[in-house]
Each structure stands twice: as structure tokens, then as C-alpha cells.
Amino acid sequence: MIQEVIVWGPLILLLAAIGVSFGRSLLVRRAVGFSPYAFGSRDTAHDFLGAIFRRAIGVFVAFFLFRAIFPEWEHDLGRLDWLANETARLVGLGLVLTSVIWIGAAQSEMGRSWRIGIREGERPKLVTSGLFSISRNPVFLGMIAAAIGLFLSSPTVVTMMALTATWLGVQVQVRLEEQHLSAVLGAEYAAYRQRVRRWL
């Protein structure tokens, strides 16, 4: 039973995370009348980050689907044997599960303000309660934690590359969003930054 959870758990949780975000996207779209997905295909740093996130998610999904079907090939995909033990894998799965719940809660708390990326010219409502009272970026924090959990659940060179891409992309995107919020919200956002840390 534990072996089946180790093999199939990461893929199921990853698809659940994607499903949670897709469902939230549909709800926000109905509420505001346009897609909350703000990444485009222009030759900008912002849209390049969107491409990085899409590719990192794609690599994780393809990897865990392949690994679920052919678990015996994990070693050939650059497994880090010193970390590939049952305890680390279960800790990783627990971290992914916690992250999916955390991300879903943070997206829900944002309500109609939730966006994927920066929509230029929009003045979003600043959410400062719930998880946003302890972290300015709980969704991104959840994304990093989920990527770490996925890596631990199958520690390979492939998952390490996807984790690295996710971490770097989030670090840049958070700073772009902070610049945007500072520009459009001014003193309100400055006061929030003084009260609440970027991560925890």
C-alpha cells in the first residue's frame, strides 16, 4: 500500500493542485468577466516567466506520469540514491498535500482579486487577512513548498531541474508583483510590506 502511494501519490496530488487552480480560475472568470490568467506570449520578462512556470509544471506532470507507469526506470532518470528512501518520499508527499490545501485556501481568500501574473492597468484589492496576514505571498510560498515536496517524493536530476526553475521563476515573479503593487497601491502596500514578511 505504501509503495502504491509513493508511486502514484505525487501525480495525483500534482493533478489535484492543477485542478484547484483551474477551478479557481473558472470561478474568478465568471465573477469578473475575464480570465485571471495574465501571462501572454509577448517578448517580455513577465511573459517569459509564464513560459517557465508552464514548462516546469509540464516537466513535473510528464515525469510523474512516466514514473508512475515505469517506476523501475526512476534510477535511469538520474535518481539521487542517498535521498531516495521511504521516509524522504513520504515527507515529500506530506509537503505536497499540505501545499495543495494551503494554495487552495490562499486562492480562495483572494476571491475576485486572484490573478495568475500581472494585469497591467488593473488596481487590485489588497488582501491582508487570513494567510495573507502571515505571508505576503502565500500562493507562491505554496508553489515552492509543493515543488520541494515533489522533488523529495522522487529525488532525481529531472525533478531537481524543475524545482530550480520553479524557485527562480517565483523569486523573480514576486519581485515584479511587488513593484506593480507598490506602483498602483502606494502607501497602502508600503504599510502592508512593513507589517508582513515576504514569505513567513
C-alpha atoms as a PDB file:
ATOM      1  CA  MET A   1       0.000   0.000   0.000  1.00  0.00           C
ATOM      2  CA  ILE A   2       2.755   2.477   0.931  1.00  0.00           C
ATOM      3  CA  GLN A   3       4.582   1.654  -2.284  1.00  0.00           C
ATOM      4  CA  GLU A   4       1.485   2.462  -4.363  1.00  0.00           C
ATOM      5  CA  VAL A   5       1.133   5.787  -2.519  1.00  0.00           C
ATOM      6  CA  ILE A   6       4.798   6.579  -3.208  1.00  0.00           C
ATOM      7  CA  VAL A   7       4.431   5.702  -6.902  1.00  0.00           C
ATOM      8  CA  TRP A   8       1.044   7.314  -7.664  1.00  0.00           C
ATOM      9  CA  GLY A   9       0.736   9.924  -4.915  1.00  0.00           C
ATOM     10  CA  PRO A  10       2.863  12.673  -6.497  1.00  0.00           C
ATOM     11  CA  LEU A  11       0.990  12.525  -9.801  1.00  0.00           C
ATOM     12  CA  ILE A  12      -2.428  12.535  -8.111  1.00  0.00           C
ATOM     13  CA  LEU A  13      -1.511  15.466  -5.843  1.00  0.00           C
ATOM     14  CA  LEU A  14       0.058  17.397  -8.724  1.00  0.00           C
ATOM     15  CA  LEU A  15      -3.100  16.966 -10.818  1.00  0.00           C
ATOM     16  CA  ALA A  16      -5.174  17.995  -7.785  1.00  0.00           C
ATOM     17  CA  ALA A  17      -3.136  21.203  -7.462  1.00  0.00           C
ATOM     18  CA  ILE A  18      -3.646  21.967 -11.147  1.00  0.00           C
ATOM     19  CA  GLY A  19      -7.358  21.207 -10.762  1.00  0.00           C
ATOM     20  CA  VAL A  20      -7.679  23.543  -7.757  1.00  0.00           C
ATOM     21  CA  SER A  21      -6.086  26.415  -9.685  1.00  0.00           C
ATOM     22  CA  PHE A  22      -8.133  25.698 -12.813  1.00  0.00           C
ATOM     23  CA  GLY A  23     -11.351  25.605 -10.785  1.00  0.00           C
ATOM     24  CA  ARG A  24     -10.479  28.875  -9.036  1.00  0.00           C
ATOM     25  CA  SER A  25      -9.687  30.393 -12.446  1.00  0.00           C
ATOM     26  CA  LEU A  26     -13.157  29.471 -13.736  1.00  0.00           C
ATOM     27  CA  LEU A  27     -14.856  30.927 -10.648  1.00  0.00           C
ATOM     28  CA  VAL A  28     -12.936  34.211 -10.924  1.00  0.00           C
ATOM     29  CA  ARG A  29     -13.595  34.412 -14.658  1.00  0.00           C
ATOM     30  CA  ARG A  30     -17.344  34.124 -14.045  1.00  0.00           C
ATOM     31  CA  ALA A  31     -17.169  36.749 -11.296  1.00  0.00           C
ATOM     32  CA  VAL A  32     -15.101  39.392 -13.125  1.00  0.00           C
ATOM     33  CA  GLY A  33     -15.911  38.646 -16.777  1.00  0.00           C
ATOM     34  CA  PHE A  34     -12.352  37.934 -17.983  1.00  0.00           C
ATOM     35  CA  SER A  35      -9.662  35.318 -17.484  1.00  0.00           C
ATOM     36  CA  PRO A  36      -7.470  35.816 -14.410  1.00  0.00           C
ATOM     37  CA  TYR A  37      -4.598  34.317 -16.419  1.00  0.00           C
ATOM     38  CA  ALA A  38      -2.475  37.361 -17.253  1.00  0.00           C
ATOM     39  CA  PHE A  39       0.600  35.747 -18.805  1.00  0.00           C
ATOM     40  CA  GLY A  40       0.770  36.240 -22.563  1.00  0.00           C
ATOM     41  CA  SER A  41       3.162  35.410 -25.377  1.00  0.00           C
ATOM     42  CA  ARG A  42       4.898  38.765 -25.754  1.00  0.00           C
ATOM     43  CA  ASP A  43       8.673  39.101 -25.627  1.00  0.00           C
ATOM     44  CA  THR A  44       8.717  40.468 -22.067  1.00  0.00           C
ATOM     45  CA  ALA A  45      10.281  39.288 -18.822  1.00  0.00           C
ATOM     46  CA  HIS A  46       6.802  38.803 -17.346  1.00  0.00           C
ATOM     47  CA  ASP A  47       5.560  36.551 -20.161  1.00  0.00           C
ATOM     48  CA  PHE A  48       8.876  34.676 -20.214  1.00  0.00           C
ATOM     49  CA  LEU A  49       8.267  33.799 -16.560  1.00  0.00           C
ATOM     50  CA  GLY A  50       4.827  32.496 -17.513  1.00  0.00           C
ATOM     51  CA  ALA A  51       6.514  30.192 -20.035  1.00  0.00           C
ATOM     52  CA  ILE A  52       8.956  28.997 -17.365  1.00  0.00           C
ATOM     53  CA  PHE A  53       6.082  28.141 -14.996  1.00  0.00           C
ATOM     54  CA  ARG A  54       4.180  26.286 -17.744  1.00  0.00           C
ATOM     55  CA  ARG A  55       7.255  24.280 -18.688  1.00  0.00           C
ATOM     56  CA  ALA A  56       8.167  23.436 -15.096  1.00  0.00           C
ATOM     57  CA  ILE A  57       4.632  22.163 -14.466  1.00  0.00           C
ATOM     58  CA  GLY A  58       4.751  20.251 -17.748  1.00  0.00           C
ATOM     59  CA  VAL A  59       8.042  18.599 -16.771  1.00  0.00           C
ATOM     60  CA  PHE A  60       6.650  17.604 -13.367  1.00  0.00           C
ATOM     61  CA  VAL A  61       3.470  16.131 -14.894  1.00  0.00           C
ATOM     62  CA  ALA A  62       5.309  14.250 -17.675  1.00  0.00           C
ATOM     63  CA  PHE A  63       7.935  12.970 -15.239  1.00  0.00           C
ATOM     64  CA  PHE A  64       5.485  11.676 -12.633  1.00  0.00           C
ATOM     65  CA  LEU A  65       3.199  10.131 -15.244  1.00  0.00           C
ATOM     66  CA  PHE A  66       6.167   8.287 -16.758  1.00  0.00           C
ATOM     67  CA  ARG A  67       7.433   7.298 -13.310  1.00  0.00           C
ATOM     68  CA  ALA A  68       4.010   6.004 -12.241  1.00  0.00           C
ATOM     69  CA  ILE A  69       3.840   3.778 -15.322  1.00  0.00           C
ATOM     70  CA  PHE A  70       7.515   2.745 -15.268  1.00  0.00           C
ATOM     71  CA  PRO A  71       8.701   3.107 -11.644  1.00  0.00           C
ATOM     72  CA  GLU A  72      11.675   0.840 -12.261  1.00  0.00           C
ATOM     73  CA  TRP A  73      13.161   3.463 -14.618  1.00  0.00           C
ATOM     74  CA  GLU A  74      13.488   6.108 -11.913  1.00  0.00           C
ATOM     75  CA  HIS A  75      17.151   5.267 -11.411  1.00  0.00           C
ATOM     76  CA  ASP A  76      17.855   5.839 -15.114  1.00  0.00           C
ATOM     77  CA  LEU A  77      16.350   9.351 -14.811  1.00  0.00           C
ATOM     78  CA  GLY A  78      19.182  10.458 -12.532  1.00  0.00           C
ATOM     79  CA  ARG A  79      17.908   9.334  -9.127  1.00  0.00           C
ATOM     80  CA  LEU A  80      19.843  10.643  -6.134  1.00  0.00           C
ATOM     81  CA  ASP A  81      20.130   7.358  -4.257  1.00  0.00           C
ATOM     82  CA  TRP A  82      21.264   8.931  -0.978  1.00  0.00           C
ATOM     83  CA  LEU A  83      17.900  10.753  -0.749  1.00  0.00           C
ATOM     84  CA  ALA A  84      15.652   8.120  -2.340  1.00  0.00           C
ATOM     85  CA  ASN A  85      14.375   6.483   0.838  1.00  0.00           C
ATOM     86  CA  GLU A  86      10.832   5.833   2.006  1.00  0.00           C
ATOM     87  CA  THR A  87      10.926   8.432   4.781  1.00  0.00           C
ATOM     88  CA  ALA A  88      12.031  11.275   2.494  1.00  0.00           C
ATOM     89  CA  ARG A  89       9.432  10.275  -0.108  1.00  0.00           C
ATOM     90  CA  LEU A  90       6.593  10.264   2.444  1.00  0.00           C
ATOM     91  CA  VAL A  91       7.732  13.594   3.880  1.00  0.00           C
ATOM     92  CA  GLY A  92       7.696  14.951   0.328  1.00  0.00           C
ATOM     93  CA  LEU A  93       4.161  13.684  -0.260  1.00  0.00           C
ATOM     94  CA  GLY A  94       3.019  15.233   3.023  1.00  0.00           C
ATOM     95  CA  LEU A  95       4.550  18.536   1.980  1.00  0.00           C
ATOM     96  CA  VAL A  96       2.798  18.420  -1.408  1.00  0.00           C
ATOM     97  CA  LEU A  97      -0.557  17.593   0.219  1.00  0.00           C
ATOM     98  CA  THR A  98      -0.161  20.446   2.714  1.00  0.00           C
ATOM     99  CA  SER A  99       0.836  22.791  -0.117  1.00  0.00           C
ATOM    100  CA  VAL A 100      -2.215  21.919  -2.228  1.00  0.00           C
ATOM    101  CA  ILE A 101      -4.509  22.733   0.714  1.00  0.00           C
ATOM    102  CA  TRP A 102      -2.522  25.905   1.513  1.00  0.00           C
ATOM    103  CA  ILE A 103      -2.592  27.123  -2.118  1.00  0.00           C
ATOM    104  CA  GLY A 104      -6.323  26.426  -2.414  1.00  0.00           C
ATOM    105  CA  ALA A 105      -7.013  28.340   0.802  1.00  0.00           C
ATOM    106  CA  ALA A 106      -4.872  31.316  -0.270  1.00  0.00           C
ATOM    107  CA  GLN A 107      -6.515  31.475  -3.697  1.00  0.00           C
ATOM    108  CA  SER A 108      -9.938  31.340  -2.058  1.00  0.00           C
ATOM    109  CA  GLU A 109      -9.025  34.170   0.335  1.00  0.00           C
ATOM    110  CA  MET A 110      -8.072  36.343  -2.643  1.00  0.00           C
ATOM    111  CA  GLY A 111     -11.584  35.954  -4.049  1.00  0.00           C
ATOM    112  CA  ARG A 112     -12.157  38.105  -7.133  1.00  0.00           C
ATOM    113  CA  SER A 113      -8.651  39.592  -6.814  1.00  0.00           C
ATOM    114  CA  TRP A 114      -6.878  36.328  -7.663  1.00  0.00           C
ATOM    115  CA  ARG A 115      -4.740  36.527 -10.811  1.00  0.00           C
ATOM    116  CA  ILE A 116      -2.075  34.408 -12.455  1.00  0.00           C
ATOM    117  CA  GLY A 117       0.511  37.016 -13.381  1.00  0.00           C
ATOM    118  CA  ILE A 118       0.272  40.801 -13.564  1.00  0.00           C
ATOM    119  CA  ARG A 119      -2.562  42.508 -15.429  1.00  0.00           C
ATOM    120  CA  GLU A 120      -1.235  45.946 -16.375  1.00  0.00           C
ATOM    121  CA  GLY A 121      -3.542  48.872 -15.685  1.00  0.00           C
ATOM    122  CA  GLU A 122      -5.509  46.990 -13.034  1.00  0.00           C
ATOM    123  CA  ARG A 123      -5.694  48.191  -9.434  1.00  0.00           C
ATOM    124  CA  PRO A 124      -6.254  45.015  -7.406  1.00  0.00           C
ATOM    125  CA  LYS A 125      -7.851  44.949  -3.982  1.00  0.00           C
ATOM    126  CA  LEU A 126      -5.157  44.287  -1.401  1.00  0.00           C
ATOM    127  CA  VAL A 127      -5.916  41.158   0.633  1.00  0.00           C
ATOM    128  CA  THR A 128      -4.282  41.294   4.073  1.00  0.00           C
ATOM    129  CA  SER A 129      -6.282  38.814   6.174  1.00  0.00           C
ATOM    130  CA  GLY A 130      -6.047  35.060   6.686  1.00  0.00           C
ATOM    131  CA  LEU A 131      -2.872  33.561   5.236  1.00  0.00           C
ATOM    132  CA  PHE A 132      -2.001  36.995   3.844  1.00  0.00           C
ATOM    133  CA  SER A 133      -1.583  38.237   7.412  1.00  0.00           C
ATOM    134  CA  ILE A 134       1.416  35.937   7.897  1.00  0.00           C
ATOM    135  CA  SER A 135       2.851  35.926   4.343  1.00  0.00           C
ATOM    136  CA  ARG A 136       2.604  38.486   1.552  1.00  0.00           C
ATOM    137  CA  ASN A 137       2.896  35.659  -0.991  1.00  0.00           C
ATOM    138  CA  PRO A 138       1.198  32.526   0.366  1.00  0.00           C
ATOM    139  CA  VAL A 139       0.345  31.138  -3.105  1.00  0.00           C
ATOM    140  CA  PHE A 140       3.952  31.419  -4.255  1.00  0.00           C
ATOM    141  CA  LEU A 141       5.153  30.025  -0.936  1.00  0.00           C
ATOM    142  CA  GLY A 142       2.867  27.043  -1.503  1.00  0.00           C
ATOM    143  CA  MET A 143       4.232  26.597  -5.030  1.00  0.00           C
ATOM    144  CA  ILE A 144       7.812  26.460  -3.772  1.00  0.00           C
ATOM    145  CA  ALA A 145       6.869  24.050  -0.978  1.00  0.00           C
ATOM    146  CA  ALA A 146       4.994  21.824  -3.450  1.00  0.00           C
ATOM    147  CA  ALA A 147       7.996  21.762  -5.809  1.00  0.00           C
ATOM    148  CA  ILE A 148      10.286  20.804  -2.901  1.00  0.00           C
ATOM    149  CA  GLY A 149       7.824  18.074  -1.915  1.00  0.00           C
ATOM    150  CA  LEU A 150       7.689  16.730  -5.473  1.00  0.00           C
ATOM    151  CA  PHE A 151      11.473  16.646  -5.579  1.00  0.00           C
ATOM    152  CA  LEU A 152      11.642  14.759  -2.271  1.00  0.00           C
ATOM    153  CA  SER A 153       8.994  12.273  -3.416  1.00  0.00           C
ATOM    154  CA  SER A 154      11.220  11.364  -6.366  1.00  0.00           C
ATOM    155  CA  PRO A 155      14.680  12.885  -5.968  1.00  0.00           C
ATOM    156  CA  THR A 156      16.162  12.900  -9.469  1.00  0.00           C
ATOM    157  CA  VAL A 157      18.086  15.273 -11.683  1.00  0.00           C
ATOM    158  CA  VAL A 158      14.856  15.920 -13.632  1.00  0.00           C
ATOM    159  CA  THR A 159      12.800  16.938 -10.580  1.00  0.00           C
ATOM    160  CA  MET A 160      15.718  18.996  -9.259  1.00  0.00           C
ATOM    161  CA  MET A 161      15.787  20.977 -12.529  1.00  0.00           C
ATOM    162  CA  ALA A 162      12.008  21.553 -12.368  1.00  0.00           C
ATOM    163  CA  LEU A 163      12.318  22.620  -8.710  1.00  0.00           C
ATOM    164  CA  THR A 164      15.149  25.029  -9.582  1.00  0.00           C
ATOM    165  CA  ALA A 165      13.151  26.552 -12.459  1.00  0.00           C
ATOM    166  CA  THR A 166      10.119  26.960 -10.184  1.00  0.00           C
ATOM    167  CA  TRP A 167      12.153  28.543  -7.384  1.00  0.00           C
ATOM    168  CA  LEU A 168      13.940  31.003  -9.675  1.00  0.00           C
ATOM    169  CA  GLY A 169      10.727  31.890 -11.532  1.00  0.00           C
ATOM    170  CA  VAL A 170       8.862  32.549  -8.295  1.00  0.00           C
ATOM    171  CA  GLN A 171      11.686  34.704  -6.913  1.00  0.00           C
ATOM    172  CA  VAL A 172      11.570  36.950  -9.991  1.00  0.00           C
ATOM    173  CA  GLN A 173       7.761  36.996 -10.285  1.00  0.00           C
ATOM    174  CA  VAL A 174       7.316  38.000  -6.638  1.00  0.00           C
ATOM    175  CA  ARG A 175       9.599  40.982  -7.138  1.00  0.00           C
ATOM    176  CA  LEU A 176       7.779  42.040 -10.320  1.00  0.00           C
ATOM    177  CA  GLU A 177       4.457  41.831  -8.487  1.00  0.00           C
ATOM    178  CA  GLU A 178       5.811  43.819  -5.548  1.00  0.00           C
ATOM    179  CA  GLN A 179       6.937  46.574  -7.935  1.00  0.00           C
ATOM    180  CA  HIS A 180       3.498  46.586  -9.584  1.00  0.00           C
ATOM    181  CA  LEU A 181       1.627  46.693  -6.272  1.00  0.00           C
ATOM    182  CA  SER A 182       3.892  49.450  -4.951  1.00  0.00           C
ATOM    183  CA  ALA A 183       3.202  51.499  -8.074  1.00  0.00           C
ATOM    184  CA  VAL A 184      -0.595  51.121  -8.050  1.00  0.00           C
ATOM    185  CA  LEU A 185      -1.319  50.917  -4.300  1.00  0.00           C
ATOM    186  CA  GLY A 186       1.347  53.234  -2.938  1.00  0.00           C
ATOM    187  CA  ALA A 187       1.211  53.851   0.814  1.00  0.00           C
ATOM    188  CA  GLU A 188      -1.360  51.093   1.410  1.00  0.00           C
ATOM    189  CA  TYR A 189       1.031  48.445   0.067  1.00  0.00           C
ATOM    190  CA  ALA A 190       4.056  50.065   1.729  1.00  0.00           C
ATOM    191  CA  ALA A 191       2.338  49.773   5.123  1.00  0.00           C
ATOM    192  CA  TYR A 192       1.447  46.139   4.398  1.00  0.00           C
ATOM    193  CA  ARG A 193       5.075  45.394   3.498  1.00  0.00           C
ATOM    194  CA  GLN A 194       6.154  46.852   6.823  1.00  0.00           C
ATOM    195  CA  ARG A 195       3.749  44.593   8.738  1.00  0.00           C
ATOM    196  CA  VAL A 196       4.061  41.277   6.890  1.00  0.00           C
ATOM    197  CA  ARG A 197       7.119  39.420   5.645  1.00  0.00           C
ATOM    198  CA  ARG A 198       7.539  38.383   2.020  1.00  0.00           C
ATOM    199  CA  TRP A 199       7.461  34.669   2.910  1.00  0.00           C
ATOM    200  CA  LEU A 200       6.900  33.881   6.595  1.00  0.00           C
END
